N, C-alpha and C. Protein backbone atom coordinates (compact mmCIF):
# COMPACT_ATOMS: atom_id res chain seq x y z
N MET A 1 157.46 -114.17 104.27
CA MET A 1 156.73 -113.53 103.22
C MET A 1 157.78 -112.86 102.34
N LYS A 2 157.69 -113.05 101.02
CA LYS A 2 158.54 -112.35 100.04
C LYS A 2 157.76 -111.19 99.48
N ILE A 3 158.52 -110.16 99.15
CA ILE A 3 157.94 -108.95 98.52
C ILE A 3 158.88 -108.35 97.57
N SER A 4 158.37 -107.72 96.52
CA SER A 4 159.23 -107.21 95.45
C SER A 4 159.88 -105.89 95.82
N GLY A 5 159.33 -105.22 96.81
CA GLY A 5 159.92 -103.92 97.21
C GLY A 5 161.28 -104.10 97.77
N ARG A 6 162.20 -103.20 97.43
CA ARG A 6 163.60 -103.30 97.87
C ARG A 6 163.94 -102.19 98.86
N ASN A 7 163.12 -101.17 99.00
CA ASN A 7 163.44 -100.06 99.91
C ASN A 7 162.79 -100.36 101.28
N LYS A 8 163.44 -101.23 102.01
CA LYS A 8 162.93 -101.65 103.36
C LYS A 8 163.74 -101.03 104.46
N LEU A 9 163.09 -100.37 105.39
CA LEU A 9 163.81 -99.65 106.47
C LEU A 9 163.28 -100.22 107.82
N GLU A 10 164.18 -100.77 108.61
CA GLU A 10 163.80 -101.27 109.94
C GLU A 10 163.61 -100.06 110.82
N ALA A 11 162.49 -100.02 111.55
CA ALA A 11 162.13 -98.85 112.35
C ALA A 11 161.42 -99.24 113.59
N THR A 12 161.31 -98.32 114.50
CA THR A 12 160.58 -98.47 115.76
C THR A 12 159.44 -97.46 115.78
N VAL A 13 158.25 -97.90 116.08
CA VAL A 13 157.07 -96.99 116.11
C VAL A 13 157.20 -96.11 117.36
N LYS A 14 157.12 -94.81 117.08
CA LYS A 14 157.19 -93.85 118.14
C LYS A 14 155.79 -93.40 118.61
N GLU A 15 154.84 -93.32 117.64
CA GLU A 15 153.52 -92.81 117.92
C GLU A 15 152.52 -93.24 116.86
N VAL A 16 151.28 -93.48 117.28
CA VAL A 16 150.22 -93.74 116.33
C VAL A 16 149.07 -92.74 116.67
N VAL A 17 148.73 -91.93 115.67
CA VAL A 17 147.65 -90.96 115.86
C VAL A 17 146.48 -91.34 114.97
N LYS A 18 145.41 -91.68 115.59
CA LYS A 18 144.24 -92.19 114.77
C LYS A 18 143.30 -91.09 114.54
N GLY A 19 142.84 -90.90 113.27
CA GLY A 19 141.80 -89.98 112.86
C GLY A 19 140.48 -90.72 112.74
N ASN A 20 139.60 -90.22 111.91
CA ASN A 20 138.33 -90.94 111.66
C ASN A 20 138.43 -92.13 110.76
N VAL A 21 139.33 -92.00 109.76
CA VAL A 21 139.51 -93.15 108.81
C VAL A 21 140.99 -93.53 108.67
N MET A 22 141.86 -92.54 108.73
CA MET A 22 143.29 -92.75 108.54
C MET A 22 144.01 -92.63 109.85
N ALA A 23 145.22 -93.17 109.91
CA ALA A 23 146.09 -93.04 111.09
C ALA A 23 147.49 -92.60 110.60
N LYS A 24 148.16 -91.79 111.48
CA LYS A 24 149.52 -91.41 111.16
C LYS A 24 150.43 -92.21 112.07
N VAL A 25 151.32 -92.96 111.46
CA VAL A 25 152.31 -93.77 112.20
C VAL A 25 153.66 -93.12 112.10
N VAL A 26 154.13 -92.65 113.22
CA VAL A 26 155.45 -92.07 113.28
C VAL A 26 156.49 -93.08 113.70
N MET A 27 157.54 -93.17 113.01
CA MET A 27 158.59 -94.21 113.23
C MET A 27 159.94 -93.58 113.30
N ASP A 28 160.86 -94.30 113.97
CA ASP A 28 162.30 -93.86 114.03
C ASP A 28 163.11 -94.87 113.30
N HIS A 29 163.94 -94.43 112.31
CA HIS A 29 164.89 -95.28 111.62
C HIS A 29 166.28 -94.66 111.78
N LYS A 30 167.05 -95.23 112.68
CA LYS A 30 168.43 -94.77 112.98
C LYS A 30 168.43 -93.25 113.18
N GLY A 31 167.51 -92.76 113.96
CA GLY A 31 167.54 -91.32 114.27
C GLY A 31 166.76 -90.44 113.22
N THR A 32 166.28 -91.01 112.19
CA THR A 32 165.48 -90.26 111.21
C THR A 32 164.02 -90.60 111.36
N GLU A 33 163.19 -89.55 111.46
CA GLU A 33 161.76 -89.74 111.59
C GLU A 33 161.11 -90.06 110.29
N LEU A 34 160.34 -91.12 110.25
CA LEU A 34 159.52 -91.53 109.13
C LEU A 34 158.04 -91.48 109.54
N VAL A 35 157.23 -91.03 108.58
CA VAL A 35 155.80 -90.92 108.85
C VAL A 35 155.04 -91.63 107.74
N ALA A 36 154.15 -92.49 108.07
CA ALA A 36 153.27 -93.17 107.15
C ALA A 36 151.76 -92.83 107.51
N ALA A 37 151.02 -92.65 106.46
CA ALA A 37 149.57 -92.50 106.62
C ALA A 37 148.95 -93.79 106.10
N ILE A 38 148.30 -94.53 107.03
CA ILE A 38 147.66 -95.75 106.66
C ILE A 38 146.21 -95.84 107.25
N THR A 39 145.41 -96.77 106.82
CA THR A 39 144.07 -96.81 107.32
C THR A 39 144.07 -97.31 108.78
N ILE A 40 143.06 -96.89 109.52
CA ILE A 40 142.86 -97.39 110.90
C ILE A 40 142.71 -98.87 110.91
N ASP A 41 142.03 -99.44 109.90
CA ASP A 41 141.84 -100.88 109.82
C ASP A 41 143.19 -101.56 109.68
N SER A 42 144.13 -100.97 108.96
CA SER A 42 145.47 -101.62 108.84
C SER A 42 146.25 -101.54 110.20
N VAL A 43 146.10 -100.43 110.88
CA VAL A 43 146.72 -100.31 112.22
C VAL A 43 146.20 -101.32 113.15
N ASP A 44 144.82 -101.48 113.15
CA ASP A 44 144.20 -102.47 114.07
C ASP A 44 144.54 -103.88 113.61
N ASP A 45 144.50 -104.22 112.35
CA ASP A 45 144.79 -105.61 111.85
C ASP A 45 146.21 -105.99 112.21
N LEU A 46 147.14 -105.07 112.08
CA LEU A 46 148.55 -105.35 112.41
C LEU A 46 148.87 -105.17 113.90
N GLY A 47 147.97 -104.59 114.63
CA GLY A 47 148.24 -104.34 116.05
C GLY A 47 149.37 -103.38 116.29
N ILE A 48 149.51 -102.34 115.47
CA ILE A 48 150.62 -101.48 115.58
C ILE A 48 150.45 -100.52 116.80
N LYS A 49 151.53 -100.44 117.58
CA LYS A 49 151.48 -99.56 118.75
C LYS A 49 152.90 -99.05 118.98
N ALA A 50 153.00 -98.00 119.77
CA ALA A 50 154.32 -97.43 120.09
C ALA A 50 155.22 -98.43 120.70
N GLY A 51 156.50 -98.45 120.24
CA GLY A 51 157.47 -99.38 120.73
C GLY A 51 157.67 -100.61 119.80
N ASP A 52 156.75 -100.85 118.92
CA ASP A 52 156.82 -101.97 118.04
C ASP A 52 157.98 -101.84 117.05
N LYS A 53 158.65 -102.92 116.76
CA LYS A 53 159.64 -102.95 115.69
C LYS A 53 158.88 -103.27 114.42
N VAL A 54 159.07 -102.54 113.37
CA VAL A 54 158.33 -102.67 112.12
C VAL A 54 159.36 -102.50 110.93
N THR A 55 158.94 -102.81 109.78
CA THR A 55 159.69 -102.55 108.57
C THR A 55 158.85 -101.58 107.75
N ALA A 56 159.44 -100.42 107.41
CA ALA A 56 158.76 -99.44 106.55
C ALA A 56 159.19 -99.79 105.06
N LEU A 57 158.20 -100.02 104.27
CA LEU A 57 158.47 -100.39 102.87
C LEU A 57 158.14 -99.10 102.05
N VAL A 58 159.18 -98.54 101.37
CA VAL A 58 158.98 -97.32 100.62
C VAL A 58 158.90 -97.68 99.12
N LYS A 59 157.79 -97.31 98.56
CA LYS A 59 157.64 -97.57 97.13
C LYS A 59 157.28 -96.24 96.44
N ALA A 60 158.11 -95.75 95.64
CA ALA A 60 157.87 -94.45 95.04
C ALA A 60 157.85 -94.53 93.54
N THR A 61 156.96 -93.87 92.91
CA THR A 61 156.91 -93.87 91.47
C THR A 61 157.66 -92.60 90.90
N GLU A 62 158.00 -91.72 91.82
CA GLU A 62 158.69 -90.45 91.41
C GLU A 62 159.58 -89.99 92.55
N MET A 63 160.75 -89.47 92.09
CA MET A 63 161.64 -88.87 93.07
C MET A 63 162.07 -87.57 92.49
N MET A 64 162.08 -86.51 93.43
CA MET A 64 162.46 -85.16 92.96
C MET A 64 163.66 -84.76 93.84
N ILE A 65 164.48 -83.88 93.23
CA ILE A 65 165.63 -83.31 93.95
C ILE A 65 165.53 -81.83 93.87
N ILE A 66 165.71 -81.14 94.99
CA ILE A 66 165.75 -79.66 94.98
C ILE A 66 167.10 -79.25 95.54
N LYS A 67 167.69 -78.25 94.89
CA LYS A 67 168.98 -77.75 95.34
C LYS A 67 168.92 -76.25 95.52
């Protein structure tokens, strides 16, 4: 599958916390914790579970810097 996004981070799923509609997917990328909020349907469709190797695709329309 080809995709236009360029900010792809290989990660390992550490935890999946399901709510009523949304799920929090906690991942590890080279020692850095990444967290994504996705629908429970997406978690179930992809079969995401702890220990899975995934690719986190980051698409941002805005970036801020604080110093």
